[in-house]
C-alpha atoms as a PDB file:
ATOM      1  CA  MET A   1      18.714  20.516  22.267  1.00  0.00           C
ATOM      2  CA  ALA A   2      19.166  16.924  23.532  1.00  0.00           C
ATOM      3  CA  GLN A   3      22.885  17.574  23.960  1.00  0.00           C
ATOM      4  CA  ASP A   4      22.089  20.628  26.104  1.00  0.00           C
ATOM      5  CA  ILE A   5      19.896  18.552  28.401  1.00  0.00           C
ATOM      6  CA  LYS A   6      22.561  15.847  28.615  1.00  0.00           C
ATOM      7  CA  ASP A   7      25.222  18.435  29.453  1.00  0.00           C
ATOM      8  CA  THR A   8      22.970  20.064  32.072  1.00  0.00           C
ATOM      9  CA  LYS A   9      22.235  16.732  33.786  1.00  0.00           C
ATOM     10  CA  LEU A  10      25.910  15.745  33.739  1.00  0.00           C
ATOM     11  CA  GLU A  11      26.921  19.100  35.215  1.00  0.00           C
ATOM     12  CA  ALA A  12      24.272  18.763  37.940  1.00  0.00           C
ATOM     13  CA  HIS A  13      25.664  15.346  38.824  1.00  0.00           C
ATOM     14  CA  PHE A  14      29.241  16.665  38.933  1.00  0.00           C
ATOM     15  CA  GLU A  15      28.129  19.497  41.236  1.00  0.00           C
ATOM     16  CA  ALA A  16      26.376  17.019  43.555  1.00  0.00           C
ATOM     17  CA  LEU A  17      29.497  14.859  43.522  1.00  0.00           C
ATOM     18  CA  GLU A  18      31.718  17.781  44.515  1.00  0.00           C
ATOM     19  CA  LYS A  19      29.331  18.819  47.300  1.00  0.00           C
ATOM     20  CA  HIS A  20      29.246  15.260  48.623  1.00  0.00           C
ATOM     21  CA  LYS A  21      33.027  14.997  48.467  1.00  0.00           C
ATOM     22  CA  ALA A  22      33.387  18.243  50.436  1.00  0.00           C
ATOM     23  CA  LEU A  23      30.878  17.012  52.996  1.00  0.00           C
ATOM     24  CA  LEU A  24      32.757  13.736  53.457  1.00  0.00           C
ATOM     25  CA  GLU A  25      36.017  15.653  53.897  1.00  0.00           C
ATOM     26  CA  LYS A  26      34.300  17.822  56.514  1.00  0.00           C
ATOM     27  CA  LEU A  27      33.030  14.688  58.263  1.00  0.00           C
ATOM     28  CA  HIS A  28      36.550  13.261  58.241  1.00  0.00           C
ATOM     29  CA  LEU A  29      37.931  16.408  59.865  1.00  0.00           C
ATOM     30  CA  ASP A  30      35.000  17.183  62.168  1.00  0.00           C
ATOM     31  CA  SER A  31      33.030  14.240  63.450  1.00  0.00           C
ATOM     32  CA  ASN A  32      30.267  16.624  64.594  1.00  0.00           C
ATOM     33  CA  THR A  33      28.889  16.723  61.050  1.00  0.00           C
ATOM     34  CA  HIS A  34      25.380  15.316  61.149  1.00  0.00           C
ATOM     35  CA  LEU A  35      24.922  12.011  59.390  1.00  0.00           C
ATOM     36  CA  ASP A  36      21.519  13.237  58.146  1.00  0.00           C
ATOM     37  CA  GLU A  37      23.397  15.832  56.124  1.00  0.00           C
ATOM     38  CA  VAL A  38      25.630  13.133  54.632  1.00  0.00           C
ATOM     39  CA  SER A  39      22.615  10.942  53.877  1.00  0.00           C
ATOM     40  CA  ASN A  40      20.789  13.807  52.142  1.00  0.00           C
ATOM     41  CA  SER A  41      23.877  14.563  50.088  1.00  0.00           C
ATOM     42  CA  LEU A  42      24.210  10.943  49.025  1.00  0.00           C
ATOM     43  CA  GLU A  43      20.526  10.883  48.062  1.00  0.00           C
ATOM     44  CA  GLN A  44      21.027  13.989  45.905  1.00  0.00           C
ATOM     45  CA  LEU A  45      24.049  12.376  44.281  1.00  0.00           C
ATOM     46  CA  THR A  46      21.989   9.287  43.472  1.00  0.00           C
ATOM     47  CA  LEU A  47      19.127  11.321  42.007  1.00  0.00           C
ATOM     48  CA  THR A  48      21.396  13.358  39.745  1.00  0.00           C
ATOM     49  CA  LEU A  49      23.108  10.191  38.504  1.00  0.00           C
ATOM     50  CA  GLU A  50      19.754   8.529  37.786  1.00  0.00           C
ATOM     51  CA  GLU A  51      18.582  11.583  35.830  1.00  0.00           C
ATOM     52  CA  TYR A  52      21.769  11.652  33.774  1.00  0.00           C
ATOM     53  CA  LEU A  53      21.624   7.925  33.030  1.00  0.00           C
ATOM     54  CA  LYS A  54      18.002   8.263  31.855  1.00  0.00           C
ATOM     55  CA  ILE A  55      19.000  11.087  29.492  1.00  0.00           C
ATOM     56  CA  ILE A  56      21.797   9.057  27.890  1.00  0.00           C
ATOM     57  CA  GLY A  57      19.521   6.043  27.533  1.00  0.00           C
ATOM     58  CA  ILE A  58      20.564   3.781  30.379  1.00  0.00           C
ATOM     59  CA  PRO A  59      17.472   2.697  32.335  1.00  0.00           C
END
């Protein structure tokens, strides 16, 4: 059960990382991308990493 939660949190973080990477690539190619969108993506990336770290025991 704990392994399932750990795997789920890690997968959520990887998905947020891929979305953020795609957004940064879009920003690189099209400077019309809103910085709010980039900021929100970075915030989501941070939250998913924090959740994963809590699950594996890193405060």
